[in-house]
C-alpha atoms as a PDB file:
ATOM      1  CA  MET A   1     -72.126-171.875 -53.202  1.00  0.00           C
ATOM      2  CA  HIS A   2     -71.610-169.423 -50.704  1.00  0.00           C
ATOM      3  CA  VAL A   3     -69.767-167.252 -53.380  1.00  0.00           C
ATOM      4  CA  ILE A   4     -72.679-167.540 -55.638  1.00  0.00           C
ATOM      5  CA  ASP A   5     -74.885-166.317 -52.953  1.00  0.00           C
ATOM      6  CA  ILE A   6     -72.268-162.962 -51.947  1.00  0.00           C
ATOM      7  CA  ALA A   7     -71.558-162.670 -55.569  1.00  0.00           C
ATOM      8  CA  ALA A   8     -75.624-162.065 -55.761  1.00  0.00           C
ATOM      9  CA  VAL A   9     -76.252-159.748 -52.988  1.00  0.00           C
ATOM     10  CA  VAL A  10     -73.089-157.573 -53.913  1.00  0.00           C
ATOM     11  CA  ILE A  11     -73.235-157.600 -57.721  1.00  0.00           C
ATOM     12  CA  ILE A  12     -76.438-158.794 -59.144  1.00  0.00           C
ATOM     13  CA  GLY A  13     -79.003-157.559 -56.967  1.00  0.00           C
ATOM     14  CA  PRO A  14     -77.990-153.588 -56.944  1.00  0.00           C
ATOM     15  CA  ASN A  15     -77.163-154.120 -60.849  1.00  0.00           C
ATOM     16  CA  VAL A  16     -80.653-155.381 -61.358  1.00  0.00           C
ATOM     17  CA  LEU A  17     -82.066-152.545 -59.285  1.00  0.00           C
ATOM     18  CA  ARG A  18     -80.423-149.957 -61.043  1.00  0.00           C
ATOM     19  CA  THR A  19     -81.168-151.345 -64.686  1.00  0.00           C
ATOM     20  CA  PHE A  20     -84.820-151.585 -63.338  1.00  0.00           C
ATOM     21  CA  CYS A  21     -84.848-147.745 -61.904  1.00  0.00           C
ATOM     22  CA  LEU A  22     -82.992-146.789 -65.080  1.00  0.00           C
ATOM     23  CA  HIS A  23     -85.454-148.142 -68.060  1.00  0.00           C
ATOM     24  CA  PHE A  24     -88.349-147.145 -65.861  1.00  0.00           C
ATOM     25  CA  ILE A  25     -87.444-143.376 -65.668  1.00  0.00           C
ATOM     26  CA  SER A  26     -85.963-143.366 -69.322  1.00  0.00           C
ATOM     27  CA  SER A  27     -88.699-144.868 -70.608  1.00  0.00           C
ATOM     28  CA  ASN A  28     -91.700-142.552 -69.538  1.00  0.00           C
ATOM     29  CA  MET A  29     -89.810-139.487 -70.030  1.00  0.00           C
ATOM     30  CA  HIS A  30     -89.479-139.604 -73.459  1.00  0.00           C
ATOM     31  CA  TYR A  31     -92.516-139.565 -75.790  1.00  0.00           C
ATOM     32  CA  TYR A  32     -92.827-141.283 -78.988  1.00  0.00           C
ATOM     33  CA  GLY A  33     -94.770-141.580 -82.089  1.00  0.00           C
ATOM     34  CA  ASP A  34     -96.541-137.804 -82.270  1.00  0.00           C
ATOM     35  CA  VAL A  35     -93.333-135.809 -81.981  1.00  0.00           C
ATOM     36  CA  GLU A  36     -92.845-133.518 -84.334  1.00  0.00           C
ATOM     37  CA  PRO A  37     -89.260-134.444 -86.300  1.00  0.00           C
ATOM     38  CA  GLY A  38     -86.396-132.060 -84.769  1.00  0.00           C
ATOM     39  CA  ASN A  39     -88.499-130.342 -82.266  1.00  0.00           C
ATOM     40  CA  VAL A  40     -86.703-131.261 -79.255  1.00  0.00           C
ATOM     41  CA  ILE A  41     -88.913-129.076 -76.631  1.00  0.00           C
ATOM     42  CA  GLN A  42     -91.474-132.275 -77.656  1.00  0.00           C
ATOM     43  CA  GLN A  43     -88.916-135.267 -77.154  1.00  0.00           C
ATOM     44  CA  THR A  44     -88.605-135.269 -73.612  1.00  0.00           C
ATOM     45  CA  GLN A  45     -90.139-134.195 -70.283  1.00  0.00           C
ATOM     46  CA  VAL A  46     -88.568-133.649 -66.878  1.00  0.00           C
ATOM     47  CA  LEU A  47     -89.791-136.334 -64.356  1.00  0.00           C
ATOM     48  CA  ASN A  48     -88.788-135.007 -60.642  1.00  0.00           C
ATOM     49  CA  PRO A  49     -91.770-135.640 -58.148  1.00  0.00           C
ATOM     50  CA  TRP A  50     -90.675-136.562 -54.847  1.00  0.00           C
ATOM     51  CA  TRP A  51     -92.233-139.856 -54.772  1.00  0.00           C
ATOM     52  CA  LEU A  52     -89.832-140.587 -57.867  1.00  0.00           C
ATOM     53  CA  TRP A  53     -86.405-139.971 -55.398  1.00  0.00           C
ATOM     54  CA  PRO A  54     -85.849-143.415 -54.277  1.00  0.00           C
ATOM     55  CA  LEU A  55     -85.903-144.611 -58.377  1.00  0.00           C
ATOM     56  CA  GLN A  56     -83.852-141.447 -58.963  1.00  0.00           C
ATOM     57  CA  ALA A  57     -81.016-142.270 -56.238  1.00  0.00           C
ATOM     58  CA  PHE A  58     -80.466-145.496 -58.275  1.00  0.00           C
ATOM     59  CA  CYS A  59     -80.446-143.861 -61.700  1.00  0.00           C
ATOM     60  CA  PHE A  60     -77.962-140.213 -60.410  1.00  0.00           C
ATOM     61  CA  ASN A  61     -81.357-138.413 -61.093  1.00  0.00           C
ATOM     62  CA  PHE A  62     -81.876-139.205 -64.570  1.00  0.00           C
ATOM     63  CA  GLY A  63     -85.432-137.980 -64.733  1.00  0.00           C
ATOM     64  CA  SER A  64     -84.497-134.246 -63.449  1.00  0.00           C
ATOM     65  CA  SER A  65     -81.665-134.299 -65.679  1.00  0.00           C
ATOM     66  CA  HIS A  66     -81.552-135.847 -68.880  1.00  0.00           C
ATOM     67  CA  GLY A  67     -84.072-133.627 -70.511  1.00  0.00           C
ATOM     68  CA  ILE A  68     -81.215-131.097 -70.339  1.00  0.00           C
ATOM     69  CA  HIS A  69     -78.961-133.655 -72.408  1.00  0.00           C
ATOM     70  CA  HIS A  70     -81.527-133.064 -75.209  1.00  0.00           C
ATOM     71  CA  PHE A  71     -80.626-129.540 -76.029  1.00  0.00           C
ATOM     72  CA  VAL A  72     -76.754-129.615 -74.423  1.00  0.00           C
ATOM     73  CA  VAL A  73     -75.638-132.796 -75.767  1.00  0.00           C
ATOM     74  CA  LYS A  74     -72.027-132.853 -74.575  1.00  0.00           C
ATOM     75  CA  GLU A  75     -72.633-132.025 -71.354  1.00  0.00           C
ATOM     76  CA  PRO A  76     -71.685-135.275 -68.906  1.00  0.00           C
ATOM     77  CA  PHE A  77     -74.649-136.295 -66.449  1.00  0.00           C
ATOM     78  CA  TYR A  78     -72.404-135.297 -63.346  1.00  0.00           C
ATOM     79  CA  ILE A  79     -72.303-131.418 -65.246  1.00  0.00           C
ATOM     80  CA  ARG A  80     -75.848-131.565 -65.930  1.00  0.00           C
ATOM     81  CA  GLN A  81     -76.288-132.018 -61.822  1.00  0.00           C
ATOM     82  CA  LEU A  82     -74.984-128.593 -61.223  1.00  0.00           C
ATOM     83  CA  THR A  83     -76.715-126.901 -64.039  1.00  0.00           C
ATOM     84  CA  VAL A  84     -79.807-128.438 -62.879  1.00  0.00           C
ATOM     85  CA  PRO A  85     -81.596-125.429 -61.421  1.00  0.00           C
ATOM     86  CA  VAL A  86     -81.202-123.035 -64.269  1.00  0.00           C
ATOM     87  CA  ALA A  87     -81.710-125.373 -67.149  1.00  0.00           C
ATOM     88  CA  HIS A  88     -84.963-126.032 -65.087  1.00  0.00           C
ATOM     89  CA  LYS A  89     -86.147-122.654 -65.076  1.00  0.00           C
ATOM     90  CA  VAL A  90     -85.204-122.062 -68.758  1.00  0.00           C
ATOM     91  CA  MET A  91     -86.755-125.292 -70.267  1.00  0.00           C
ATOM     92  CA  ARG A  92     -90.187-123.919 -67.904  1.00  0.00           C
ATOM     93  CA  GLU A  93     -90.196-121.126 -70.057  1.00  0.00           C
ATOM     94  CA  MET A  94     -89.733-122.639 -73.138  1.00  0.00           C
ATOM     95  CA  GLY A  95     -92.908-125.142 -72.759  1.00  0.00           C
ATOM     96  CA  VAL A  96     -90.984-128.315 -71.731  1.00  0.00           C
ATOM     97  CA  ARG A  97     -93.005-130.541 -69.897  1.00  0.00           C
ATOM     98  CA  PHE A  98     -92.899-131.287 -66.065  1.00  0.00           C
ATOM     99  CA  ASN A  99     -94.139-134.437 -64.301  1.00  0.00           C
ATOM    100  CA  ASP A 100     -96.915-135.292 -67.413  1.00  0.00           C
ATOM    101  CA  PHE A 101     -98.290-138.518 -65.545  1.00  0.00           C
ATOM    102  CA  GLY A 102    -101.002-138.476 -68.331  1.00  0.00           C
ATOM    103  CA  THR A 103     -98.223-140.119 -70.598  1.00  0.00           C
ATOM    104  CA  PHE A 104     -98.955-143.394 -68.881  1.00  0.00           C
ATOM    105  CA  GLY A 105    -102.691-142.908 -70.463  1.00  0.00           C
ATOM    106  CA  ARG A 106    -101.141-141.667 -73.946  1.00  0.00           C
ATOM    107  CA  ALA A 107     -98.728-144.367 -74.534  1.00  0.00           C
ATOM    108  CA  ASN A 108     -95.962-142.083 -74.163  1.00  0.00           C
ATOM    109  CA  ARG A 109     -97.459-139.964 -76.922  1.00  0.00           C
ATOM    110  CA  PHE A 110     -96.753-136.093 -76.718  1.00  0.00           C
ATOM    111  CA  VAL A 111    -100.284-135.501 -77.462  1.00  0.00           C
ATOM    112  CA  GLY A 112    -102.687-138.714 -78.112  1.00  0.00           C
ATOM    113  CA  GLU A 113    -104.834-139.708 -80.347  1.00  0.00           C
ATOM    114  CA  ASP A 114    -107.721-138.033 -81.640  1.00  0.00           C
ATOM    115  CA  LYS A 115    -109.993-141.033 -82.070  1.00  0.00           C
ATOM    116  CA  PRO A 116    -109.320-145.021 -81.627  1.00  0.00           C
ATOM    117  CA  ARG A 117    -107.879-146.332 -84.508  1.00  0.00           C
ATOM    118  CA  GLN A 118    -109.762-149.225 -86.568  1.00  0.00           C
ATOM    119  CA  GLN A 119    -108.314-152.264 -87.304  1.00  0.00           C
ATOM    120  CA  ALA A 120    -109.819-154.537 -90.144  1.00  0.00           C
ATOM    121  CA  VAL A 121    -111.099-157.599 -89.010  1.00  0.00           C
ATOM    122  CA  ILE A 122    -110.215-160.725 -91.531  1.00  0.00           C
ATOM    123  CA  THR A 123    -112.230-163.924 -91.231  1.00  0.00           C
ATOM    124  CA  VAL A 124    -111.450-166.988 -93.269  1.00  0.00           C
ATOM    125  CA  ARG A 125    -114.136-169.602 -93.660  1.00  0.00           C
ATOM    126  CA  GLY A 126    -113.097-173.203 -94.719  1.00  0.00           C
END
């Protein structure tokens, strides 16, 4: 049983933490639904506020650097870290959003819906 305890602390725990951090950051930095097909600027944003650094530490600064991947696809994550300062400057000039936390309220939509959707209600009488 001692081996299982050690494995949980050394292997399973860190992997669960890293997976949570990676999924949280990546699911909130991409836009879905109302993105114009092929428009790379509308696909992603840069998430790099100071308070996300604990999460960024476990996913190699993914929120700050993954948007670069949408423009320079073949660049590996460790090279992207070197290009972040210049890439962020260019991305900001081209209109890529930075720290758009309104996405939480818009359900990861780029713009959001103009009006609420109406759902048809069907009643069954027996």
